[in-house]
C-alpha atoms as a PDB file:
ATOM      1  CA  UNK A   1       4.270  25.663   2.754  1.00  0.00           C
ATOM      2  CA  UNK A   2       4.277  27.336  -0.724  1.00  0.00           C
ATOM      3  CA  UNK A   3       7.438  25.012  -1.841  1.00  0.00           C
ATOM      4  CA  UNK A   4       5.430  21.915  -0.245  1.00  0.00           C
ATOM      5  CA  UNK A   5       2.220  22.966  -2.211  1.00  0.00           C
ATOM      6  CA  UNK A   6       4.363  23.464  -5.433  1.00  0.00           C
ATOM      7  CA  UNK A   7       6.241  20.230  -4.882  1.00  0.00           C
ATOM      8  CA  UNK A   8       2.975  18.335  -4.309  1.00  0.00           C
ATOM      9  CA  UNK A   9       1.668  19.824  -7.301  1.00  0.00           C
ATOM     10  CA  UNK A  10       4.613  19.068  -9.361  1.00  0.00           C
ATOM     11  CA  UNK A  11       4.587  15.439  -8.046  1.00  0.00           C
ATOM     12  CA  UNK A  12       0.824  15.079  -8.846  1.00  0.00           C
ATOM     13  CA  UNK A  13       1.703  16.284 -12.384  1.00  0.00           C
ATOM     14  CA  UNK A  14       4.461  13.656 -12.763  1.00  0.00           C
ATOM     15  CA  UNK A  15       2.028  11.033 -11.545  1.00  0.00           C
ATOM     16  CA  UNK A  16      -0.845  12.211 -14.153  1.00  0.00           C
ATOM     17  CA  UNK A  17       1.958  12.442 -17.076  1.00  0.00           C
ATOM     18  CA  UNK A  18       3.105   8.880 -16.084  1.00  0.00           C
ATOM     19  CA  UNK A  19      -0.467   7.321 -16.035  1.00  0.00           C
ATOM     20  CA  UNK A  20      -1.020   8.893 -19.469  1.00  0.00           C
ATOM     21  CA  UNK A  21       2.197   7.458 -20.692  1.00  0.00           C
ATOM     22  CA  UNK A  22       1.240   4.232 -19.340  1.00  0.00           C
ATOM     23  CA  UNK A  23      -1.955   4.281 -20.869  1.00  0.00           C
ATOM     24  CA  UNK A  24      -0.661   5.485 -24.270  1.00  0.00           C
ATOM     25  CA  UNK A  25       1.881   2.616 -24.011  1.00  0.00           C
ATOM     26  CA  UNK A  26      -0.814  -0.070 -23.457  1.00  0.00           C
ATOM     27  CA  UNK A  27      -3.021   1.267 -26.121  1.00  0.00           C
ATOM     28  CA  UNK A  28       0.105   1.166 -28.623  1.00  0.00           C
ATOM     29  CA  UNK A  29       1.008  -2.348 -27.197  1.00  0.00           C
ATOM     30  CA  UNK A  30      -2.727  -3.446 -27.829  1.00  0.00           C
ATOM     31  CA  UNK A  31      -2.804  -1.854 -31.472  1.00  0.00           C
ATOM     32  CA  UNK A  32       0.529  -3.620 -32.439  1.00  0.00           C
ATOM     33  CA  UNK A  33      -0.696  -6.863 -31.364  1.00  0.00           C
ATOM     34  CA  UNK A  34      -4.130  -6.480 -33.196  1.00  0.00           C
ATOM     35  CA  UNK A  35      -2.091  -5.438 -36.269  1.00  0.00           C
ATOM     36  CA  UNK A  36       0.237  -8.552 -35.716  1.00  0.00           C
ATOM     37  CA  UNK A  37      -2.822 -10.810 -35.396  1.00  0.00           C
ATOM     38  CA  UNK A  38      -4.448  -9.317 -38.596  1.00  0.00           C
ATOM     39  CA  UNK A  39      -0.963  -9.646 -40.467  1.00  0.00           C
ATOM     40  CA  UNK A  40      -0.678 -13.279 -39.211  1.00  0.00           C
ATOM     41  CA  UNK A  41      -4.262 -13.720 -40.494  1.00  0.00           C
ATOM     42  CA  UNK A  42      -3.893 -12.207 -43.739  1.00  0.00           C
ATOM     43  CA  UNK A  43      -0.411 -14.461 -44.217  1.00  0.00           C
ATOM     44  CA  UNK A  44      -2.434 -17.506 -43.197  1.00  0.00           C
ATOM     45  CA  UNK A  45      -4.870 -16.625 -45.799  1.00  0.00           C
ATOM     46  CA  UNK A  46      -2.468 -16.002 -48.691  1.00  0.00           C
ATOM     47  CA  UNK A  47      -0.652 -19.164 -47.898  1.00  0.00           C
ATOM     48  CA  UNK A  48      -3.903 -21.398 -48.210  1.00  0.00           C
ATOM     49  CA  UNK A  49      -4.744 -19.594 -51.587  1.00  0.00           C
ATOM     50  CA  UNK A  50      -1.309 -20.206 -52.667  1.00  0.00           C
ATOM     51  CA  UNK A  51      -1.375 -23.983 -51.722  1.00  0.00           C
ATOM     52  CA  UNK A  52      -4.799 -24.066 -53.586  1.00  0.00           C
ATOM     53  CA  UNK A  53      -3.298 -22.549 -56.814  1.00  0.00           C
ATOM     54  CA  UNK A  54      -0.506 -24.954 -56.438  1.00  0.00           C
ATOM     55  CA  UNK A  55      -2.877 -27.933 -56.523  1.00  0.00           C
ATOM     56  CA  UNK A  56      -4.906 -26.655 -59.261  1.00  0.00           C
ATOM     57  CA  UNK A  57      -1.720 -26.148 -61.305  1.00  0.00           C
ATOM     58  CA  UNK A  58      -0.284 -29.843 -60.451  1.00  0.00           C
ATOM     59  CA  UNK A  59      -3.917 -30.992 -61.595  1.00  0.00           C
ATOM     60  CA  UNK A  60      -3.647 -29.253 -64.908  1.00  0.00           C
ATOM     61  CA  UNK A  61      -0.029 -30.439 -65.462  1.00  0.00           C
ATOM     62  CA  UNK A  62      -1.085 -34.063 -64.667  1.00  0.00           C
ATOM     63  CA  UNK A  63      -4.057 -33.755 -67.193  1.00  0.00           C
ATOM     64  CA  UNK A  64      -1.611 -32.181 -69.878  1.00  0.00           C
ATOM     65  CA  UNK A  65       0.863 -35.100 -69.557  1.00  0.00           C
ATOM     66  CA  UNK A  66      -1.763 -37.556 -69.442  1.00  0.00           C
ATOM     67  CA  UNK A  67      -3.222 -36.258 -72.769  1.00  0.00           C
ATOM     68  CA  UNK A  68       0.375 -36.028 -74.237  1.00  0.00           C
ATOM     69  CA  UNK A  69       0.689 -39.490 -73.276  1.00  0.00           C
ATOM     70  CA  UNK A  70      -2.415 -40.662 -75.133  1.00  0.00           C
ATOM     71  CA  UNK A  71      -1.450 -38.505 -77.923  1.00  0.00           C
ATOM     72  CA  UNK A  72       2.036 -40.174 -78.371  1.00  0.00           C
ATOM     73  CA  UNK A  73       0.268 -43.748 -77.900  1.00  0.00           C
ATOM     74  CA  UNK A  74      -2.168 -42.713 -80.797  1.00  0.00           C
ATOM     75  CA  UNK A  75       0.781 -41.669 -82.871  1.00  0.00           C
ATOM     76  CA  UNK A  76       2.649 -44.479 -82.156  1.00  0.00           C
ATOM     77  CA  UNK A  77      -0.208 -46.984 -83.142  1.00  0.00           C
ATOM     78  CA  UNK A  78      -0.662 -44.828 -86.628  1.00  0.00           C
ATOM     79  CA  UNK A  79       2.961 -45.287 -87.318  1.00  0.00           C
ATOM     80  CA  UNK A  80       2.872 -49.016 -86.752  1.00  0.00           C
ATOM     81  CA  UNK A  81      -0.314 -49.346 -88.842  1.00  0.00           C
ATOM     82  CA  UNK A  82       1.354 -47.176 -91.641  1.00  0.00           C
ATOM     83  CA  UNK A  83       4.647 -49.363 -91.621  1.00  0.00           C
ATOM     84  CA  UNK A  84       2.449 -52.338 -91.777  1.00  0.00           C
ATOM     85  CA  UNK A  85       0.493 -51.197 -94.578  1.00  0.00           C
ATOM     86  CA  UNK A  86       3.653 -49.845 -96.440  1.00  0.00           C
ATOM     87  CA  UNK A  87       5.205 -53.620 -95.912  1.00  0.00           C
ATOM     88  CA  UNK A  88       2.076 -55.312 -97.174  1.00  0.00           C
ATOM     89  CA  UNK A  89       2.237 -52.944-100.232  1.00  0.00           C
ATOM     90  CA  UNK A  90       5.631 -53.784-101.017  1.00  0.00           C
ATOM     91  CA  UNK A  91       5.035 -57.499-100.426  1.00  0.00           C
ATOM     92  CA  UNK A  92       2.144 -57.210-103.003  1.00  0.00           C
ATOM     93  CA  UNK A  93       4.150 -55.410-105.325  1.00  0.00           C
ATOM     94  CA  UNK A  94       6.897 -58.059-105.540  1.00  0.00           C
ATOM     95  CA  UNK A  95       4.223 -60.690-105.747  1.00  0.00           C
ATOM     96  CA  UNK A  96       2.705 -58.868-108.542  1.00  0.00           C
ATOM     97  CA  UNK A  97       5.948 -58.430-110.184  1.00  0.00           C
ATOM     98  CA  UNK A  98       6.923 -62.359-109.887  1.00  0.00           C
ATOM     99  CA  UNK A  99       3.362 -63.366-111.228  1.00  0.00           C
ATOM    100  CA  UNK A 100       3.932 -61.015-114.588  1.00  0.00           C
ATOM    101  CA  UNK A 101       4.507 -63.437-117.415  1.00  0.00           C
ATOM    102  CA  UNK A 102       8.174 -62.621-118.846  1.00  0.00           C
END
Protein backbone atom coordinates (compact mmCIF):
# COMPACT_ATOMS: atom_id res chain seq x y z
CA UNK A 1 0.00 0.00 0.00
CA UNK A 2 2.94 2.28 0.69
CA UNK A 3 4.31 1.35 -2.76
CA UNK A 4 0.95 2.17 -4.35
CA UNK A 5 0.88 5.50 -2.55
CA UNK A 6 4.44 6.29 -3.72
CA UNK A 7 3.60 5.21 -7.28
CA UNK A 8 0.50 7.41 -7.24
CA UNK A 9 2.48 10.32 -5.87
CA UNK A 10 5.15 9.92 -8.56
CA UNK A 11 2.48 9.59 -11.21
CA UNK A 12 0.79 12.77 -9.96
CA UNK A 13 4.18 14.54 -9.94
CA UNK A 14 4.88 13.49 -13.54
CA UNK A 15 1.44 14.74 -14.54
CA UNK A 16 2.11 18.10 -12.85
CA UNK A 17 5.52 18.27 -14.58
CA UNK A 18 3.88 17.48 -17.90
CA UNK A 19 1.26 20.19 -17.39
CA UNK A 20 3.94 22.72 -16.49
CA UNK A 21 6.01 21.68 -19.49
CA UNK A 22 2.98 22.03 -21.76
CA UNK A 23 2.15 25.48 -20.36
CA UNK A 24 5.73 26.63 -20.75
CA UNK A 25 5.70 25.32 -24.30
CA UNK A 26 2.48 27.20 -25.08
CA UNK A 27 3.85 30.43 -23.61
CA UNK A 28 7.03 30.03 -25.67
CA UNK A 29 4.96 29.37 -28.80
CA UNK A 30 2.84 32.47 -28.17
CA UNK A 31 5.92 34.60 -27.55
CA UNK A 32 7.51 33.27 -30.74
CA UNK A 33 4.38 34.06 -32.74
CA UNK A 34 4.21 37.56 -31.23
CA UNK A 35 7.88 38.18 -32.02
CA UNK A 36 7.39 36.90 -35.57
CA UNK A 37 4.34 39.15 -36.05
CA UNK A 38 6.26 42.14 -34.67
CA UNK A 39 9.22 41.45 -36.95
CA UNK A 40 6.92 41.08 -39.95
CA UNK A 41 5.25 44.40 -39.05
CA UNK A 42 8.61 46.15 -38.71
CA UNK A 43 9.80 44.62 -41.97
CA UNK A 44 6.67 45.85 -43.75
CA UNK A 45 7.17 49.36 -42.35
CA UNK A 46 10.82 49.38 -43.40
CA UNK A 47 9.95 48.21 -46.91
CA UNK A 48 7.36 50.99 -47.15
CA UNK A 49 9.89 53.62 -46.01
CA UNK A 50 12.40 52.25 -48.48
CA UNK A 51 9.85 52.49 -51.29
CA UNK A 52 9.03 56.09 -50.32
CA UNK A 53 12.74 56.96 -50.32
CA UNK A 54 13.14 55.32 -53.73
CA UNK A 55 10.24 57.37 -55.12
CA UNK A 56 11.70 60.57 -53.65
CA UNK A 57 15.10 59.74 -55.16
CA UNK A 58 13.53 59.03 -58.56
CA UNK A 59 11.73 62.38 -58.43
CA UNK A 60 14.98 64.18 -57.59
CA UNK A 61 16.82 62.44 -60.43
CA UNK A 62 14.02 63.28 -62.88
CA UNK A 63 14.11 66.92 -61.80
CA UNK A 64 17.90 67.00 -62.25
CA UNK A 65 17.63 65.44 -65.70
CA UNK A 66 14.98 68.01 -66.68
CA UNK A 67 17.15 70.88 -65.41
CA UNK A 68 20.17 69.46 -67.26
CA UNK A 69 18.11 69.25 -70.46
CA UNK A 70 16.99 72.86 -70.06
CA UNK A 71 20.57 73.95 -69.41
CA UNK A 72 21.79 72.08 -72.49
CA UNK A 73 19.03 73.70 -74.56
CA UNK A 74 20.01 77.16 -73.30
CA UNK A 75 23.70 76.51 -74.03
CA UNK A 76 22.81 75.22 -77.51
CA UNK A 77 20.79 78.37 -78.23
CA UNK A 78 23.61 80.56 -76.91
CA UNK A 79 26.12 78.74 -79.14
CA UNK A 80 23.91 79.19 -82.22
CA UNK A 81 23.47 82.90 -81.42
CA UNK A 82 27.25 83.36 -81.04
CA UNK A 83 27.91 81.54 -84.32
CA UNK A 84 25.36 83.73 -86.07
CA UNK A 85 26.95 86.87 -84.60
CA UNK A 86 30.40 85.69 -85.67
CA UNK A 87 29.18 84.92 -89.19
CA UNK A 88 27.47 88.32 -89.36
CA UNK A 89 30.63 90.08 -88.11
CA UNK A 90 32.79 88.28 -90.69
CA UNK A 91 30.34 89.18 -93.46
CA UNK A 92 30.31 92.81 -92.32
CA UNK A 93 34.11 92.84 -92.21
CA UNK A 94 34.30 91.50 -95.78
CA UNK A 95 31.79 94.09 -96.95
CA UNK A 96 33.72 96.86 -95.22
CA UNK A 97 36.97 95.64 -96.82
CA UNK A 98 35.41 95.47 -100.25
CA UNK A 99 34.03 99.02 -99.90
CA UNK A 100 37.38 100.49 -98.89
CA UNK A 101 38.83 102.62 -101.68
CA UNK A 102 41.90 101.04 -103.16
